[in-house]
PDB file of N, CA and C in Angstrom:
ATOM      1  N   MET A   1      21.591  27.279  25.865  1.00  0.00           N
ATOM      2  CA  MET A   1      21.316  26.770  24.530  1.00  0.00           C
ATOM      3  C   MET A   1      20.529  27.832  23.762  1.00  0.00           C
ATOM      4  N   ASN A   2      20.915  28.082  22.518  1.00  0.00           N
ATOM      5  CA  ASN A   2      20.189  29.113  21.770  1.00  0.00           C
ATOM      6  C   ASN A   2      18.882  28.547  21.199  1.00  0.00           C
ATOM      7  N   ALA A   3      18.022  29.424  20.689  1.00  0.00           N
ATOM      8  CA  ALA A   3      16.681  29.041  20.232  1.00  0.00           C
ATOM      9  C   ALA A   3      16.722  28.048  19.082  1.00  0.00           C
ATOM     10  N   VAL A   4      17.664  28.188  18.167  1.00  0.00           N
ATOM     11  CA  VAL A   4      17.753  27.266  17.023  1.00  0.00           C
ATOM     12  C   VAL A   4      18.066  25.860  17.502  1.00  0.00           C
ATOM     13  N   VAL A   5      19.007  25.730  18.396  1.00  0.00           N
ATOM     14  CA  VAL A   5      19.377  24.416  18.911  1.00  0.00           C
ATOM     15  C   VAL A   5      18.229  23.817  19.700  1.00  0.00           C
ATOM     16  N   GLU A   6      17.529  24.628  20.489  1.00  0.00           N
ATOM     17  CA  GLU A   6      16.382  24.129  21.249  1.00  0.00           C
ATOM     18  C   GLU A   6      15.288  23.631  20.308  1.00  0.00           C
ATOM     19  N   ASN A   7      15.014  24.346  19.230  1.00  0.00           N
ATOM     20  CA  ASN A   7      14.000  23.911  18.267  1.00  0.00           C
ATOM     21  C   ASN A   7      14.411  22.624  17.576  1.00  0.00           C
ATOM     22  N   LEU A   8      15.669  22.491  17.216  1.00  0.00           N
ATOM     23  CA  LEU A   8      16.149  21.259  16.587  1.00  0.00           C
ATOM     24  C   LEU A   8      16.020  20.088  17.539  1.00  0.00           C
ATOM     25  N   ALA A   9      16.354  20.302  18.803  1.00  0.00           N
ATOM     26  CA  ALA A   9      16.240  19.240  19.789  1.00  0.00           C
ATOM     27  C   ALA A   9      14.789  18.820  19.966  1.00  0.00           C
ATOM     28  N   ALA A  10      13.874  19.770  19.992  1.00  0.00           N
ATOM     29  CA  ALA A  10      12.455  19.455  20.133  1.00  0.00           C
ATOM     30  C   ALA A  10      11.948  18.695  18.915  1.00  0.00           C
ATOM     31  N   ASP A  11      12.366  19.107  17.715  1.00  0.00           N
ATOM     32  CA  ASP A  11      11.965  18.405  16.492  1.00  0.00           C
ATOM     33  C   ASP A  11      12.489  16.983  16.475  1.00  0.00           C
ATOM     34  N   ALA A  12      13.691  16.780  16.935  1.00  0.00           N
ATOM     35  CA  ALA A  12      14.286  15.443  16.929  1.00  0.00           C
ATOM     36  C   ALA A  12      13.498  14.494  17.812  1.00  0.00           C
ATOM     37  N   ILE A  13      12.950  14.980  18.892  1.00  0.00           N
ATOM     38  CA  ILE A  13      12.171  14.133  19.798  1.00  0.00           C
ATOM     39  C   ILE A  13      10.877  13.696  19.135  1.00  0.00           C
ATOM     40  N   GLU A  14      10.272  14.562  18.331  1.00  0.00           N
ATOM     41  CA  GLU A  14       8.991  14.265  17.714  1.00  0.00           C
ATOM     42  C   GLU A  14       9.101  13.448  16.438  1.00  0.00           C
ATOM     43  N   MET A  15      10.277  13.298  15.885  1.00  0.00           N
ATOM     44  CA  MET A  15      10.437  12.568  14.630  1.00  0.00           C
ATOM     45  C   MET A  15      10.239  11.073  14.858  1.00  0.00           C
ATOM     46  N   PRO A  16       9.521  10.394  13.944  1.00  0.00           N
ATOM     47  CA  PRO A  16       9.346   8.950  14.094  1.00  0.00           C
ATOM     48  C   PRO A  16      10.672   8.227  13.889  1.00  0.00           C
ATOM     49  N   VAL A  17      10.822   7.149  14.612  1.00  0.00           N
ATOM     50  CA  VAL A  17      12.029   6.343  14.521  1.00  0.00           C
ATOM     51  C   VAL A  17      11.675   5.068  13.771  1.00  0.00           C
ATOM     52  N   PRO A  18      12.408   4.708  12.723  1.00  0.00           N
ATOM     53  CA  PRO A  18      12.089   3.472  12.004  1.00  0.00           C
ATOM     54  C   PRO A  18      12.310   2.258  12.899  1.00  0.00           C
ATOM     55  N   LEU A  19      11.443   1.268  12.739  1.00  0.00           N
ATOM     56  CA  LEU A  19      11.576   0.045  13.509  1.00  0.00           C
ATOM     57  C   LEU A  19      12.504  -0.914  12.782  1.00  0.00           C
ATOM     58  N   ILE A  20      13.424  -1.478  13.511  1.00  0.00           N
ATOM     59  CA  ILE A  20      14.339  -2.471  12.951  1.00  0.00           C
ATOM     60  C   ILE A  20      14.192  -3.721  13.787  1.00  0.00           C
ATOM     61  N   PHE A  21      13.773  -4.797  13.162  1.00  0.00           N
ATOM     62  CA  PHE A  21      13.569  -6.046  13.874  1.00  0.00           C
ATOM     63  C   PHE A  21      14.809  -6.909  13.777  1.00  0.00           C
ATOM     64  N   THR A  22      15.257  -7.347  14.933  1.00  0.00           N
ATOM     65  CA  THR A  22      16.459  -8.179  14.956  1.00  0.00           C
ATOM     66  C   THR A  22      16.147  -9.627  15.273  1.00  0.00           C
ATOM     67  N   ASP A  23      14.906  -9.933  15.622  1.00  0.00           N
ATOM     68  CA  ASP A  23      14.566 -11.332  15.863  1.00  0.00           C
ATOM     69  C   ASP A  23      13.253 -11.670  15.168  1.00  0.00           C
ATOM     70  N   SER A  24      13.050 -12.929  14.905  1.00  0.00           N
ATOM     71  CA  SER A  24      11.874 -13.340  14.139  1.00  0.00           C
ATOM     72  C   SER A  24      10.577 -13.134  14.912  1.00  0.00           C
ATOM     73  N   ALA A  25      10.608 -13.169  16.237  1.00  0.00           N
ATOM     74  CA  ALA A  25       9.391 -12.965  17.026  1.00  0.00           C
ATOM     75  C   ALA A  25       8.828 -11.565  16.783  1.00  0.00           C
ATOM     76  N   ALA A  26       9.681 -10.572  16.771  1.00  0.00           N
ATOM     77  CA  ALA A  26       9.224  -9.201  16.525  1.00  0.00           C
ATOM     78  C   ALA A  26       8.692  -9.059  15.102  1.00  0.00           C
ATOM     79  N   ALA A  27       9.345  -9.693  14.160  1.00  0.00           N
ATOM     80  CA  ALA A  27       8.898  -9.626  12.769  1.00  0.00           C
ATOM     81  C   ALA A  27       7.526 -10.264  12.616  1.00  0.00           C
ATOM     82  N   LYS A  28       7.256 -11.355  13.329  1.00  0.00           N
ATOM     83  CA  LYS A  28       5.953 -12.015  13.256  1.00  0.00           C
ATOM     84  C   LYS A  28       4.865 -11.133  13.830  1.00  0.00           C
ATOM     85  N   VAL A  29       5.175 -10.360  14.854  1.00  0.00           N
ATOM     86  CA  VAL A  29       4.202  -9.447  15.439  1.00  0.00           C
ATOM     87  C   VAL A  29       3.877  -8.335  14.443  1.00  0.00           C
ATOM     88  N   ALA A  30       4.860  -7.891  13.678  1.00  0.00           N
ATOM     89  CA  ALA A  30       4.667  -6.811  12.715  1.00  0.00           C
ATOM     90  C   ALA A  30       3.973  -7.284  11.441  1.00  0.00           C
ATOM     91  N   ALA A  31       3.978  -8.563  11.148  1.00  0.00           N
ATOM     92  CA  ALA A  31       3.423  -9.089   9.906  1.00  0.00           C
ATOM     93  C   ALA A  31       1.964  -8.709   9.681  1.00  0.00           C
ATOM     94  N   PRO A  32       1.067  -8.787  10.689  1.00  0.00           N
ATOM     95  CA  PRO A  32      -0.321  -8.393  10.436  1.00  0.00           C
ATOM     96  C   PRO A  32      -0.457  -6.942   9.981  1.00  0.00           C
ATOM     97  N   ALA A  33       0.380  -6.067  10.457  1.00  0.00           N
ATOM     98  CA  ALA A  33       0.313  -4.670  10.030  1.00  0.00           C
ATOM     99  C   ALA A  33       0.664  -4.544   8.556  1.00  0.00           C
ATOM    100  N   ALA A  34       1.623  -5.343   8.091  1.00  0.00           N
ATOM    101  CA  ALA A  34       2.005  -5.305   6.682  1.00  0.00           C
ATOM    102  C   ALA A  34       0.854  -5.800   5.805  1.00  0.00           C
ATOM    103  N   ALA A  35       0.127  -6.805   6.266  1.00  0.00           N
ATOM    104  CA  ALA A  35      -0.985  -7.352   5.499  1.00  0.00           C
ATOM    105  C   ALA A  35      -2.083  -6.305   5.303  1.00  0.00           C
ATOM    106  N   ALA A  36      -2.214  -5.390   6.228  1.00  0.00           N
ATOM    107  CA  ALA A  36      -3.248  -4.365   6.141  1.00  0.00           C
ATOM    108  C   ALA A  36      -2.991  -3.392   4.992  1.00  0.00           C
ATOM    109  N   THR A  37      -1.801  -3.380   4.447  1.00  0.00           N
ATOM    110  CA  THR A  37      -1.486  -2.439   3.376  1.00  0.00           C
ATOM    111  C   THR A  37      -1.745  -3.013   1.983  1.00  0.00           C
ATOM    112  N   LYS A  38      -2.260  -4.215   1.889  1.00  0.00           N
ATOM    113  CA  LYS A  38      -2.557  -4.793   0.578  1.00  0.00           C
ATOM    114  C   LYS A  38      -3.685  -4.025  -0.091  1.00  0.00           C
ATOM    115  N   LEU A  39      -3.657  -4.022  -1.404  1.00  0.00           N
ATOM    116  CA  LEU A  39      -4.653  -3.298  -2.195  1.00  0.00           C
ATOM    117  C   LEU A  39      -5.920  -4.127  -2.370  1.00  0.00           C
ATOM    118  N   PRO A  40      -7.071  -3.478  -2.433  1.00  0.00           N
ATOM    119  CA  PRO A  40      -8.312  -4.201  -2.701  1.00  0.00           C
ATOM    120  C   PRO A  40      -8.302  -4.770  -4.126  1.00  0.00           C
ATOM    121  N   GLN A  41      -8.935  -5.911  -4.295  1.00  0.00           N
ATOM    122  CA  GLN A  41      -8.990  -6.555  -5.616  1.00  0.00           C
ATOM    123  C   GLN A  41      -9.592  -5.635  -6.667  1.00  0.00           C
ATOM    124  N   LYS A  42     -10.623  -4.914  -6.307  1.00  0.00           N
ATOM    125  CA  LYS A  42     -11.289  -4.022  -7.266  1.00  0.00           C
ATOM    126  C   LYS A  42     -10.337  -2.928  -7.764  1.00  0.00           C
ATOM    127  N   ALA A  43      -9.477  -2.437  -6.887  1.00  0.00           N
ATOM    128  CA  ALA A  43      -8.562  -1.351  -7.253  1.00  0.00           C
ATOM    129  C   ALA A  43      -7.541  -1.765  -8.304  1.00  0.00           C
ATOM    130  N   VAL A  44      -7.232  -3.070  -8.376  1.00  0.00           N
ATOM    131  CA  VAL A  44      -6.232  -3.556  -9.338  1.00  0.00           C
ATOM    132  C   VAL A  44      -6.875  -4.370 -10.459  1.00  0.00           C
ATOM    133  N   HIS A  45      -8.204  -4.267 -10.555  1.00  0.00           N
ATOM    134  CA  HIS A  45      -8.961  -4.937 -11.623  1.00  0.00           C
ATOM    135  C   HIS A  45      -8.733  -6.453 -11.607  1.00  0.00           C
ATOM    136  N   TYR A  46      -8.672  -7.028 -10.396  1.00  0.00           N
ATOM    137  CA  TYR A  46      -8.484  -8.482 -10.278  1.00  0.00           C
ATOM    138  C   TYR A  46      -9.660  -9.215 -10.918  1.00  0.00           C
ATOM    139  N   GLN A  47      -9.329 -10.305 -11.602  1.00  0.00           N
ATOM    140  CA  GLN A  47     -10.342 -11.197 -12.163  1.00  0.00           C
ATOM    141  C   GLN A  47      -9.865 -12.628 -11.920  1.00  0.00           C
ATOM    142  N   PRO A  48     -10.780 -13.562 -11.646  1.00  0.00           N
ATOM    143  CA  PRO A  48     -10.378 -14.945 -11.359  1.00  0.00           C
ATOM    144  C   PRO A  48      -9.947 -15.740 -12.603  1.00  0.00           C
ATOM    145  N   GLN A  49     -10.052 -15.133 -13.786  1.00  0.00           N
ATOM    146  CA  GLN A  49      -9.625 -15.783 -15.023  1.00  0.00           C
ATOM    147  C   GLN A  49      -8.317 -15.155 -15.499  1.00  0.00           C
ATOM    148  N   PRO A  50      -7.515 -15.925 -16.243  1.00  0.00           N
ATOM    149  CA  PRO A  50      -6.275 -15.362 -16.785  1.00  0.00           C
ATOM    150  C   PRO A  50      -6.562 -14.319 -17.858  1.00  0.00           C
ATOM    151  N   LYS A  51      -5.557 -13.527 -18.164  1.00  0.00           N
ATOM    152  CA  LYS A  51      -5.649 -12.577 -19.278  1.00  0.00           C
ATOM    153  C   LYS A  51      -4.615 -13.049 -20.288  1.00  0.00           C
ATOM    154  N   GLY A  52      -5.091 -13.791 -21.274  1.00  0.00           N
ATOM    155  CA  GLY A  52      -4.171 -14.430 -22.221  1.00  0.00           C
ATOM    156  C   GLY A  52      -3.351 -15.468 -21.472  1.00  0.00           C
ATOM    157  N   LYS A  53      -2.034 -15.391 -21.598  1.00  0.00           N
ATOM    158  CA  LYS A  53      -1.145 -16.328 -20.894  1.00  0.00           C
ATOM    159  C   LYS A  53      -0.751 -15.819 -19.507  1.00  0.00           C
ATOM    160  N   ALA A  54      -1.150 -14.614 -19.164  1.00  0.00           N
ATOM    161  CA  ALA A  54      -0.815 -14.030 -17.853  1.00  0.00           C
ATOM    162  C   ALA A  54      -1.749 -14.582 -16.783  1.00  0.00           C
ATOM    163  N   ARG A  55      -1.165 -15.210 -15.787  1.00  0.00           N
ATOM    164  CA  ARG A  55      -1.911 -15.823 -14.679  1.00  0.00           C
ATOM    165  C   ARG A  55      -1.204 -15.501 -13.371  1.00  0.00           C
ATOM    166  N   CYS A  56      -1.962 -15.441 -12.300  1.00  0.00           N
ATOM    167  CA  CYS A  56      -1.380 -15.130 -10.992  1.00  0.00           C
ATOM    168  C   CYS A  56      -0.257 -16.091 -10.603  1.00  0.00           C
ATOM    169  N   ASP A  57      -0.418 -17.376 -10.901  1.00  0.00           N
ATOM    170  CA  ASP A  57       0.610 -18.333 -10.475  1.00  0.00           C
ATOM    171  C   ASP A  57       1.903 -18.247 -11.293  1.00  0.00           C
ATOM    172  N   THR A  58       1.945 -17.340 -12.278  1.00  0.00           N
ATOM    173  CA  THR A  58       3.196 -17.082 -12.995  1.00  0.00           C
ATOM    174  C   THR A  58       3.708 -15.662 -12.724  1.00  0.00           C
ATOM    175  N   CYS A  59       3.134 -15.012 -11.708  1.00  0.00           N
ATOM    176  CA  CYS A  59       3.483 -13.639 -11.353  1.00  0.00           C
ATOM    177  C   CYS A  59       4.512 -13.609 -10.216  1.00  0.00           C
ATOM    178  N   LEU A  60       5.353 -12.597 -10.214  1.00  0.00           N
ATOM    179  CA  LEU A  60       6.351 -12.418  -9.150  1.00  0.00           C
ATOM    180  C   LEU A  60       5.719 -12.266  -7.776  1.00  0.00           C
ATOM    181  N   GLN A  61       4.508 -11.759  -7.711  1.00  0.00           N
ATOM    182  CA  GLN A  61       3.862 -11.480  -6.426  1.00  0.00           C
ATOM    183  C   GLN A  61       3.047 -12.655  -5.882  1.00  0.00           C
ATOM    184  N   TRP A  62       2.972 -13.759  -6.605  1.00  0.00           N
ATOM    185  CA  TRP A  62       2.166 -14.924  -6.227  1.00  0.00           C
ATOM    186  C   TRP A  62       2.692 -15.576  -4.957  1.00  0.00           C
ATOM    187  N   GLN A  63       1.762 -15.950  -4.053  1.00  0.00           N
ATOM    188  CA  GLN A  63       2.073 -16.693  -2.842  1.00  0.00           C
ATOM    189  C   GLN A  63       1.123 -17.878  -2.766  1.00  0.00           C
ATOM    190  N   ALA A  64       1.634 -19.056  -3.121  1.00  0.00           N
ATOM    191  CA  ALA A  64       0.806 -20.265  -3.092  1.00  0.00           C
ATOM    192  C   ALA A  64       0.331 -20.530  -1.667  1.00  0.00           C
ATOM    193  N   PRO A  65      -0.846 -21.098  -1.469  1.00  0.00           N
ATOM    194  CA  PRO A  65      -1.696 -21.656  -2.511  1.00  0.00           C
ATOM    195  C   PRO A  65      -2.700 -20.674  -3.112  1.00  0.00           C
ATOM    196  N   LYS A  66      -3.035 -19.565  -2.408  1.00  0.00           N
ATOM    197  CA  LYS A  66      -4.053 -18.669  -2.974  1.00  0.00           C
ATOM    198  C   LYS A  66      -3.919 -17.241  -2.441  1.00  0.00           C
ATOM    199  N   ALA A  67      -2.725 -16.680  -2.552  1.00  0.00           N
ATOM    200  CA  ALA A  67      -2.507 -15.322  -2.035  1.00  0.00           C
ATOM    201  C   ALA A  67      -1.564 -14.541  -2.944  1.00  0.00           C
ATOM    202  N   CYS A  68      -1.515 -13.247  -2.689  1.00  0.00           N
ATOM    203  CA  CYS A  68      -0.653 -12.329  -3.421  1.00  0.00           C
ATOM    204  C   CYS A  68       0.036 -11.419  -2.410  1.00  0.00           C
ATOM    205  N   LYS A  69       1.263 -11.028  -2.698  1.00  0.00           N
ATOM    206  CA  LYS A  69       1.995 -10.115  -1.818  1.00  0.00           C
ATOM    207  C   LYS A  69       1.385  -8.718  -1.807  1.00  0.00           C
ATOM    208  N   LEU A  70       0.678  -8.361  -2.879  1.00  0.00           N
ATOM    209  CA  LEU A  70       0.183  -6.991  -3.022  1.00  0.00           C
ATOM    210  C   LEU A  70      -1.330  -6.830  -2.961  1.00  0.00           C
ATOM    211  N   VAL A  71      -2.079  -7.905  -3.247  1.00  0.00           N
ATOM    212  CA  VAL A  71      -3.538  -7.822  -3.357  1.00  0.00           C
ATOM    213  C   VAL A  71      -4.201  -8.590  -2.217  1.00  0.00           C
ATOM    214  N   ALA A  72      -5.199  -7.998  -1.609  1.00  0.00           N
ATOM    215  CA  ALA A  72      -5.906  -8.604  -0.478  1.00  0.00           C
ATOM    216  C   ALA A  72      -6.875  -9.696  -0.926  1.00  0.00           C
ATOM    217  N   GLY A  73      -7.171 -10.608  -0.024  1.00  0.00           N
ATOM    218  CA  GLY A  73      -8.176 -11.634  -0.252  1.00  0.00           C
ATOM    219  C   GLY A  73      -7.631 -12.885  -0.916  1.00  0.00           C
ATOM    220  N   ASP A  74      -8.546 -13.845  -1.117  1.00  0.00           N
ATOM    221  CA  ASP A  74      -8.187 -15.084  -1.804  1.00  0.00           C
ATOM    222  C   ASP A  74      -7.943 -14.790  -3.278  1.00  0.00           C
ATOM    223  N   ILE A  75      -6.873 -15.347  -3.794  1.00  0.00           N
ATOM    224  CA  ILE A  75      -6.479 -15.127  -5.182  1.00  0.00           C
ATOM    225  C   ILE A  75      -6.416 -16.476  -5.896  1.00  0.00           C
ATOM    226  N   ALA A  76      -7.104 -16.581  -7.020  1.00  0.00           N
ATOM    227  CA  ALA A  76      -7.087 -17.816  -7.808  1.00  0.00           C
ATOM    228  C   ALA A  76      -5.757 -17.936  -8.543  1.00  0.00           C
ATOM    229  N   PRO A  77      -5.161 -19.135  -8.563  1.00  0.00           N
ATOM    230  CA  PRO A  77      -3.913 -19.317  -9.320  1.00  0.00           C
ATOM    231  C   PRO A  77      -4.062 -18.921 -10.787  1.00  0.00           C
ATOM    232  N   SER A  78      -5.262 -19.102 -11.333  1.00  0.00           N
ATOM    233  CA  SER A  78      -5.505 -18.773 -12.739  1.00  0.00           C
ATOM    234  C   SER A  78      -5.974 -17.338 -12.931  1.00  0.00           C
ATOM    235  N   GLY A  79      -6.001 -16.533 -11.859  1.00  0.00           N
ATOM    236  CA  GLY A  79      -6.476 -15.159 -11.933  1.00  0.00           C
ATOM    237  C   GLY A  79      -5.477 -14.218 -12.579  1.00  0.00           C
ATOM    238  N   TRP A  80      -5.843 -12.944 -12.624  1.00  0.00           N
ATOM    239  CA  TRP A  80      -4.989 -11.902 -13.198  1.00  0.00           C
ATOM    240  C   TRP A  80      -5.392 -10.558 -12.592  1.00  0.00           C
ATOM    241  N   CYS A  81      -4.443  -9.615 -12.502  1.00  0.00           N
ATOM    242  CA  CYS A  81      -4.757  -8.240 -12.132  1.00  0.00           C
ATOM    243  C   CYS A  81      -3.788  -7.304 -12.837  1.00  0.00           C
ATOM    244  N   SER A  82      -4.016  -6.018 -12.716  1.00  0.00           N
ATOM    245  CA  SER A  82      -3.206  -5.024 -13.415  1.00  0.00           C
ATOM    246  C   SER A  82      -1.776  -4.898 -12.863  1.00  0.00           C
ATOM    247  N   LEU A  83      -1.483  -5.539 -11.743  1.00  0.00           N
ATOM    248  CA  LEU A  83      -0.127  -5.516 -11.179  1.00  0.00           C
ATOM    249  C   LEU A  83       0.719  -6.694 -11.650  1.00  0.00           C
ATOM    250  N   TYR A  84       0.168  -7.501 -12.547  1.00  0.00           N
ATOM    251  CA  TYR A  84       0.863  -8.701 -13.019  1.00  0.00           C
ATOM    252  C   TYR A  84       2.268  -8.392 -13.497  1.00  0.00           C
ATOM    253  N   ALA A  85       3.222  -9.193 -13.024  1.00  0.00           N
ATOM    254  CA  ALA A  85       4.627  -9.090 -13.457  1.00  0.00           C
ATOM    255  C   ALA A  85       5.160 -10.512 -13.596  1.00  0.00           C
ATOM    256  N   HIS A  86       5.416 -10.925 -14.809  1.00  0.00           N
ATOM    257  CA  HIS A  86       5.837 -12.288 -15.097  1.00  0.00           C
ATOM    258  C   HIS A  86       7.154 -12.657 -14.404  1.00  0.00           C
ATOM    259  N   LYS A  87       7.167 -13.854 -13.786  1.00  0.00           N
ATOM    260  CA  LYS A  87       8.401 -14.356 -13.184  1.00  0.00           C
ATOM    261  C   LYS A  87       9.379 -14.705 -14.288  1.00  0.00           C
ATOM    262  N   ALA A  88      10.631 -14.379 -14.077  1.00  0.00           N
ATOM    263  CA  ALA A  88      11.651 -14.706 -15.074  1.00  0.00           C
ATOM    264  C   ALA A  88      12.092 -16.154 -14.942  1.00  0.00           C
TER     265      ALA A  88
END
């Protein structure tokens, strides 16, 4: 095997492999890791009051009863942050 092929083979071994979950049990195990990537409330200027008519419970990222797909911590339904995106 020549040096170029040997280097490519070595690089291929070190490359990360994406995880693909085929059953719900594996996905549930991975869920806590996904939660760790949420943004801090301060970073997105979260406030527990609405900004005009914009409220968390009318946002695409809202997860009842008091959560957000993107922002960490308890989220008030009447709150607002800079990531607000109105549900259509």
